[in-house]
N, C-alpha and C. Protein backbone atom coordinates (compact mmCIF):
# COMPACT_ATOMS: atom_id res chain seq x y z
N ILE A 1 60.50 -61.51 153.82
CA ILE A 1 61.11 -62.80 154.13
C ILE A 1 60.38 -63.45 155.30
N ILE A 2 60.09 -62.64 156.33
CA ILE A 2 59.41 -63.18 157.51
C ILE A 2 58.03 -63.70 157.14
N THR A 3 57.33 -62.97 156.29
CA THR A 3 56.00 -63.41 155.85
C THR A 3 56.09 -64.74 155.11
N GLY A 4 57.10 -64.88 154.28
CA GLY A 4 57.28 -66.10 153.50
C GLY A 4 57.57 -67.34 154.33
N LEU A 5 58.09 -67.15 155.53
CA LEU A 5 58.38 -68.29 156.40
C LEU A 5 57.12 -68.99 156.91
N LYS A 6 56.03 -68.23 157.01
CA LYS A 6 54.74 -68.76 157.50
C LYS A 6 54.83 -69.26 158.94
N ILE A 7 55.78 -68.71 159.72
CA ILE A 7 55.91 -69.09 161.12
C ILE A 7 55.09 -68.15 162.00
N LEU A 8 55.01 -66.89 161.59
CA LEU A 8 54.25 -65.88 162.31
C LEU A 8 53.03 -65.47 161.48
N PRO A 9 51.96 -65.03 162.13
CA PRO A 9 50.73 -64.67 161.40
C PRO A 9 50.82 -63.28 160.77
N MET A 10 51.67 -63.12 159.80
CA MET A 10 51.90 -61.80 159.18
C MET A 10 50.81 -61.43 158.17
N GLU A 11 50.04 -62.40 157.71
CA GLU A 11 49.01 -62.12 156.71
C GLU A 11 47.61 -62.42 157.24
N ALA A 12 47.43 -62.36 158.55
CA ALA A 12 46.12 -62.65 159.13
C ALA A 12 45.15 -61.50 158.95
N HIS A 13 45.64 -60.27 158.88
CA HIS A 13 44.82 -59.07 158.70
C HIS A 13 43.69 -58.99 159.72
N GLY A 14 44.00 -59.32 160.97
CA GLY A 14 43.02 -59.23 162.03
C GLY A 14 42.12 -60.44 162.18
N ASN A 15 42.31 -61.46 161.37
CA ASN A 15 41.50 -62.68 161.42
C ASN A 15 42.05 -63.59 162.53
N VAL A 16 41.33 -63.65 163.64
CA VAL A 16 41.79 -64.41 164.79
C VAL A 16 41.88 -65.91 164.48
N THR A 17 41.05 -66.39 163.59
CA THR A 17 41.10 -67.81 163.21
C THR A 17 42.44 -68.15 162.58
N LEU A 18 42.95 -67.28 161.72
CA LEU A 18 44.25 -67.52 161.10
C LEU A 18 45.38 -67.40 162.12
N VAL A 19 45.24 -66.47 163.07
CA VAL A 19 46.26 -66.34 164.11
C VAL A 19 46.28 -67.60 164.97
N ARG A 20 45.11 -68.12 165.32
CA ARG A 20 45.02 -69.35 166.11
C ARG A 20 45.62 -70.53 165.35
N ALA A 21 45.35 -70.62 164.06
CA ALA A 21 45.89 -71.71 163.26
C ALA A 21 47.42 -71.66 163.24
N THR A 22 47.97 -70.47 163.15
CA THR A 22 49.43 -70.32 163.18
C THR A 22 49.97 -70.71 164.55
N ALA A 23 49.27 -70.33 165.61
CA ALA A 23 49.69 -70.69 166.97
C ALA A 23 49.63 -72.20 167.17
N GLN A 24 48.62 -72.85 166.62
CA GLN A 24 48.51 -74.31 166.75
C GLN A 24 49.62 -75.01 165.99
N SER A 25 50.04 -74.44 164.88
CA SER A 25 51.11 -75.07 164.10
C SER A 25 52.48 -74.87 164.77
N PHE A 26 52.54 -73.96 165.74
CA PHE A 26 53.79 -73.72 166.47
C PHE A 26 54.30 -75.01 167.13
N SER A 27 53.39 -75.81 167.64
CA SER A 27 53.76 -77.06 168.32
C SER A 27 54.42 -78.06 167.38
N SER A 28 54.11 -77.96 166.10
CA SER A 28 54.66 -78.92 165.14
C SER A 28 55.98 -78.45 164.52
N LEU A 29 56.46 -77.27 164.91
CA LEU A 29 57.74 -76.79 164.38
C LEU A 29 58.89 -77.64 164.91
N GLN A 30 59.92 -77.76 164.12
CA GLN A 30 61.12 -78.45 164.58
C GLN A 30 61.71 -77.65 165.74
N PRO A 31 62.30 -78.32 166.72
CA PRO A 31 62.84 -77.63 167.89
C PRO A 31 63.80 -76.49 167.57
N VAL A 32 64.60 -76.66 166.53
CA VAL A 32 65.55 -75.60 166.14
C VAL A 32 64.79 -74.34 165.74
N LEU A 33 63.71 -74.50 164.99
CA LEU A 33 62.91 -73.35 164.58
C LEU A 33 62.16 -72.76 165.77
N ALA A 34 61.55 -73.61 166.58
CA ALA A 34 60.76 -73.15 167.72
C ALA A 34 61.60 -72.33 168.69
N ARG A 35 62.85 -72.69 168.86
CA ARG A 35 63.75 -71.96 169.75
C ARG A 35 64.00 -70.53 169.27
N ASN A 36 63.93 -70.32 167.96
CA ASN A 36 64.21 -69.01 167.39
C ASN A 36 62.98 -68.13 167.21
N VAL A 37 61.80 -68.68 167.41
CA VAL A 37 60.57 -67.91 167.24
C VAL A 37 60.48 -66.73 168.22
N PRO A 38 60.83 -66.87 169.50
CA PRO A 38 60.74 -65.70 170.40
C PRO A 38 61.54 -64.50 169.91
N GLY A 39 62.77 -64.72 169.48
CA GLY A 39 63.58 -63.62 168.96
C GLY A 39 62.99 -63.03 167.68
N LEU A 40 62.54 -63.89 166.79
CA LEU A 40 61.93 -63.44 165.55
C LEU A 40 60.67 -62.63 165.85
N LEU A 41 59.89 -63.08 166.80
CA LEU A 41 58.67 -62.39 167.19
C LEU A 41 58.99 -61.01 167.75
N MET A 42 59.97 -60.94 168.62
CA MET A 42 60.36 -59.66 169.21
C MET A 42 60.87 -58.69 168.16
N TRP A 43 61.73 -59.16 167.29
CA TRP A 43 62.27 -58.30 166.24
C TRP A 43 61.17 -57.84 165.28
N THR A 44 60.24 -58.70 164.97
CA THR A 44 59.17 -58.35 164.04
C THR A 44 58.26 -57.28 164.64
N ILE A 45 57.90 -57.44 165.90
CA ILE A 45 57.06 -56.43 166.55
C ILE A 45 57.80 -55.10 166.64
N THR A 46 59.08 -55.16 166.99
CA THR A 46 59.89 -53.94 167.07
C THR A 46 59.98 -53.25 165.71
N CYS A 47 60.20 -54.03 164.67
CA CYS A 47 60.30 -53.45 163.32
C CYS A 47 58.97 -52.84 162.88
N CYS A 48 57.87 -53.50 163.18
CA CYS A 48 56.56 -52.94 162.84
C CYS A 48 56.37 -51.59 163.53
N GLY A 49 56.75 -51.53 164.79
CA GLY A 49 56.60 -50.29 165.55
C GLY A 49 57.47 -49.17 165.02
N ARG A 50 58.72 -49.47 164.74
CA ARG A 50 59.63 -48.43 164.24
C ARG A 50 59.22 -47.94 162.86
N GLN A 51 58.81 -48.88 162.00
CA GLN A 51 58.39 -48.48 160.66
C GLN A 51 57.11 -47.64 160.73
N ARG A 52 56.21 -48.02 161.62
CA ARG A 52 54.96 -47.27 161.81
C ARG A 52 55.27 -45.85 162.30
N ASP A 53 56.18 -45.73 163.26
CA ASP A 53 56.57 -44.41 163.76
C ASP A 53 57.18 -43.57 162.64
N ALA A 54 58.01 -44.18 161.81
CA ALA A 54 58.63 -43.45 160.71
C ALA A 54 57.57 -42.96 159.72
N LEU A 55 56.59 -43.79 159.44
CA LEU A 55 55.52 -43.39 158.51
C LEU A 55 54.69 -42.25 159.10
N ARG A 56 54.41 -42.34 160.38
CA ARG A 56 53.55 -41.34 161.02
C ARG A 56 54.28 -40.02 161.26
N SER A 57 55.60 -40.04 161.38
CA SER A 57 56.34 -38.81 161.66
C SER A 57 56.89 -38.16 160.39
N SER A 58 56.54 -38.68 159.25
CA SER A 58 57.02 -38.12 157.99
C SER A 58 56.45 -36.72 157.78
N ALA A 59 57.22 -35.89 157.12
CA ALA A 59 56.78 -34.53 156.84
C ALA A 59 55.63 -34.52 155.84
N PHE A 60 55.53 -35.56 155.04
CA PHE A 60 54.47 -35.66 154.05
C PHE A 60 53.45 -36.68 154.52
N GLU A 61 52.23 -36.24 154.66
CA GLU A 61 51.19 -37.18 155.10
C GLU A 61 50.21 -37.38 153.95
N ASP A 62 49.96 -38.62 153.65
CA ASP A 62 48.96 -38.95 152.64
C ASP A 62 48.24 -40.22 153.04
N ARG A 63 47.25 -40.58 152.28
CA ARG A 63 46.44 -41.76 152.62
C ARG A 63 47.23 -43.05 152.55
N THR A 64 48.17 -43.13 151.64
CA THR A 64 48.96 -44.35 151.50
C THR A 64 49.80 -44.61 152.75
N ARG A 65 50.46 -43.55 153.23
CA ARG A 65 51.27 -43.70 154.45
C ARG A 65 50.38 -44.05 155.65
N ALA A 66 49.24 -43.40 155.75
CA ALA A 66 48.32 -43.68 156.85
C ALA A 66 47.82 -45.12 156.78
N ALA A 67 47.53 -45.60 155.57
CA ALA A 67 47.06 -46.98 155.40
C ALA A 67 48.16 -47.97 155.76
N MET A 68 49.38 -47.67 155.36
CA MET A 68 50.50 -48.56 155.69
C MET A 68 50.75 -48.59 157.20
N ALA A 69 50.65 -47.44 157.84
CA ALA A 69 50.82 -47.38 159.29
C ALA A 69 49.73 -48.18 159.99
N GLU A 70 48.52 -48.09 159.51
CA GLU A 70 47.41 -48.86 160.10
C GLU A 70 47.61 -50.36 159.87
N GLU A 71 48.10 -50.73 158.69
CA GLU A 71 48.37 -52.14 158.40
C GLU A 71 49.44 -52.70 159.33
N LEU A 72 50.45 -51.91 159.61
CA LEU A 72 51.50 -52.34 160.54
C LEU A 72 50.96 -52.51 161.95
N LEU A 73 50.03 -51.65 162.35
CA LEU A 73 49.41 -51.78 163.66
C LEU A 73 48.60 -53.08 163.74
N VAL A 74 47.87 -53.39 162.69
CA VAL A 74 47.08 -54.64 162.65
C VAL A 74 48.02 -55.85 162.72
N LYS A 75 49.13 -55.79 162.01
CA LYS A 75 50.10 -56.89 162.06
C LYS A 75 50.64 -57.06 163.47
N ALA A 76 50.96 -55.94 164.12
CA ALA A 76 51.48 -56.00 165.49
C ALA A 76 50.43 -56.57 166.44
N LYS A 77 49.19 -56.20 166.25
CA LYS A 77 48.12 -56.75 167.09
C LYS A 77 47.99 -58.26 166.88
N ASP A 78 48.06 -58.70 165.63
CA ASP A 78 48.02 -60.13 165.33
C ASP A 78 49.18 -60.86 166.00
N LEU A 79 50.35 -60.25 165.96
CA LEU A 79 51.52 -60.86 166.58
C LEU A 79 51.36 -60.93 168.10
N MET A 80 50.74 -59.93 168.70
CA MET A 80 50.51 -59.94 170.14
C MET A 80 49.50 -61.03 170.53
N VAL A 81 48.47 -61.20 169.72
CA VAL A 81 47.51 -62.28 169.97
C VAL A 81 48.23 -63.62 169.85
N PHE A 82 49.04 -63.77 168.83
CA PHE A 82 49.83 -64.99 168.65
C PHE A 82 50.71 -65.24 169.87
N ALA A 83 51.40 -64.20 170.33
CA ALA A 83 52.27 -64.34 171.50
C ALA A 83 51.47 -64.77 172.72
N GLY A 84 50.28 -64.25 172.88
CA GLY A 84 49.43 -64.66 173.99
C GLY A 84 49.02 -66.12 173.89
N LEU A 85 48.79 -66.58 172.68
CA LEU A 85 48.37 -67.98 172.49
C LEU A 85 49.51 -68.97 172.72
N VAL A 86 50.73 -68.56 172.43
CA VAL A 86 51.88 -69.46 172.63
C VAL A 86 52.69 -69.06 173.87
N ARG A 87 52.10 -68.25 174.70
CA ARG A 87 52.77 -67.67 175.86
C ARG A 87 53.55 -68.69 176.70
N TYR A 88 52.94 -69.82 176.98
CA TYR A 88 53.58 -70.81 177.85
C TYR A 88 54.63 -71.65 177.14
N LYS A 89 54.76 -71.44 175.84
CA LYS A 89 55.80 -72.14 175.09
C LYS A 89 57.02 -71.23 174.88
N LEU A 90 56.90 -69.99 175.36
CA LEU A 90 57.99 -69.03 175.24
C LEU A 90 58.77 -68.97 176.55
N PRO A 91 60.03 -68.59 176.49
CA PRO A 91 60.77 -68.39 177.75
C PRO A 91 60.08 -67.31 178.60
N PRO A 92 60.15 -67.42 179.92
CA PRO A 92 59.39 -66.55 180.82
C PRO A 92 59.53 -65.04 180.57
N ARG A 93 60.73 -64.55 180.44
CA ARG A 93 60.91 -63.11 180.28
C ARG A 93 60.51 -62.60 178.90
N VAL A 94 60.46 -63.47 177.92
CA VAL A 94 60.16 -63.04 176.56
C VAL A 94 58.76 -62.44 176.48
N PHE A 95 57.77 -63.07 177.10
CA PHE A 95 56.41 -62.55 177.00
C PHE A 95 56.31 -61.18 177.68
N GLU A 96 57.03 -60.98 178.78
CA GLU A 96 57.02 -59.68 179.45
C GLU A 96 57.57 -58.59 178.52
N VAL A 97 58.67 -58.88 177.85
CA VAL A 97 59.28 -57.92 176.93
C VAL A 97 58.34 -57.66 175.75
N LEU A 98 57.73 -58.71 175.23
CA LEU A 98 56.78 -58.57 174.13
C LEU A 98 55.59 -57.71 174.55
N ALA A 99 55.09 -57.94 175.75
CA ALA A 99 53.95 -57.17 176.24
C ALA A 99 54.30 -55.68 176.32
N ARG A 100 55.49 -55.37 176.81
CA ARG A 100 55.92 -53.97 176.89
C ARG A 100 56.07 -53.37 175.49
N ALA A 101 56.66 -54.12 174.58
CA ALA A 101 56.84 -53.63 173.21
C ALA A 101 55.49 -53.40 172.53
N GLY A 102 54.57 -54.33 172.74
CA GLY A 102 53.23 -54.19 172.17
C GLY A 102 52.49 -52.99 172.74
N GLN A 103 52.67 -52.76 174.02
CA GLN A 103 52.02 -51.62 174.67
C GLN A 103 52.60 -50.31 174.13
N ASP A 104 53.92 -50.25 173.98
CA ASP A 104 54.56 -49.05 173.43
C ASP A 104 54.09 -48.76 172.02
N LEU A 105 53.84 -49.81 171.28
CA LEU A 105 53.40 -49.69 169.89
C LEU A 105 51.93 -49.29 169.80
N GLY A 106 51.18 -49.60 170.83
CA GLY A 106 49.75 -49.34 170.81
C GLY A 106 48.96 -50.51 170.30
N ALA A 107 49.59 -51.71 170.33
CA ALA A 107 48.92 -52.90 169.82
C ALA A 107 47.81 -53.37 170.76
N TYR A 108 47.83 -52.89 172.00
CA TYR A 108 46.73 -53.14 172.94
C TYR A 108 46.79 -52.19 174.09
């Protein structure tokens, strides 16, 4: 559902140009949507991290799980780059919390 919204760069796959394009379109969002992006961003990064941890801690390890875990890490990194690009449009404490969450996840 979050990917379908096209508000966050969930399908950038490490392409900084696509992340920048998504960040530039942030300014054109309706105020109601823009106000909710910080929470959506935080929840998305948290979910990527938890799902990645679950995949990595599974008793069964295979290439598919490893690939999915790596894909989630790339998504989290893209989200952190996005957060950095829109940093000054976010409430002050939000970026600090995002930075901590990204660091815990290993996104940077």
